């Protein structure tokens, strides 16, 4: 698999996620979509997505 061309499942997930606001994107309902984006993300993007996800899994209090 070429490292320069993102996986179609990554592109699909990101196109859907990019149409949402941040709260919606990280809601429980869209967790699977976010997980799909991470799973198929190019390796250089994966750590950024995981960091975003972790930031929102931590309770804000």
Protein backbone atom coordinates (compact mmCIF):
# COMPACT_ATOMS: atom_id res chain seq x y z
CA UNK A 1 0.00 0.00 0.00
CA UNK A 2 1.32 3.42 -0.91
CA UNK A 3 2.13 5.71 2.00
CA UNK A 4 1.17 8.78 -0.04
CA UNK A 5 -2.41 7.80 -0.88
CA UNK A 6 -4.83 7.71 2.07
CA UNK A 7 -7.10 4.70 2.46
CA UNK A 8 -10.65 5.16 1.05
CA UNK A 9 -12.17 4.37 4.47
CA UNK A 10 -10.06 7.15 6.00
CA UNK A 11 -11.19 9.61 3.34
CA UNK A 12 -14.83 8.57 3.83
CA UNK A 13 -14.66 9.00 7.61
CA UNK A 14 -12.83 12.32 7.38
CA UNK A 15 -15.27 13.74 4.83
CA UNK A 16 -18.16 12.93 7.18
CA UNK A 17 -16.35 14.20 10.28
CA UNK A 18 -15.30 17.44 8.59
CA UNK A 19 -18.97 18.36 8.09
CA UNK A 20 -19.66 18.26 11.84
CA UNK A 21 -18.85 20.68 14.61
CA UNK A 22 -16.28 19.55 17.19
CA UNK A 23 -18.76 18.39 19.86
CA UNK A 24 -20.75 16.38 17.33
CA UNK A 25 -17.58 14.89 15.85
CA UNK A 26 -16.44 13.61 19.24
CA UNK A 27 -19.84 12.46 20.49
CA UNK A 28 -20.49 8.85 21.43
CA UNK A 29 -22.66 8.47 18.31
CA UNK A 30 -19.68 9.23 16.07
CA UNK A 31 -17.03 7.33 18.04
CA UNK A 32 -17.06 4.49 15.50
CA UNK A 33 -16.51 6.92 12.64
CA UNK A 34 -13.62 8.55 14.52
CA UNK A 35 -12.16 5.11 15.27
CA UNK A 36 -12.44 4.26 11.57
CA UNK A 37 -10.59 7.47 10.68
CA UNK A 38 -7.81 6.59 13.13
CA UNK A 39 -7.61 2.96 12.02
CA UNK A 40 -7.15 3.86 8.36
CA UNK A 41 -5.28 7.13 8.78
CA UNK A 42 -1.83 7.53 7.25
CA UNK A 43 0.72 6.86 9.99
CA UNK A 44 1.84 10.50 10.14
CA UNK A 45 -1.74 11.63 10.88
CA UNK A 46 -2.70 8.89 13.35
CA UNK A 47 -1.01 10.42 16.42
CA UNK A 48 -2.83 13.73 15.86
CA UNK A 49 -6.22 12.00 15.65
CA UNK A 50 -5.50 9.88 18.73
CA UNK A 51 -4.47 13.00 20.68
CA UNK A 52 -7.75 14.72 19.74
CA UNK A 53 -9.74 11.66 20.77
CA UNK A 54 -7.93 11.33 24.11
CA UNK A 55 -8.49 15.00 24.86
CA UNK A 56 -12.24 14.42 24.68
CA UNK A 57 -12.29 11.08 26.49
CA UNK A 58 -10.87 12.80 29.59
CA UNK A 59 -13.70 14.19 31.76
CA UNK A 60 -13.63 17.97 31.82
CA UNK A 61 -13.71 18.59 35.58
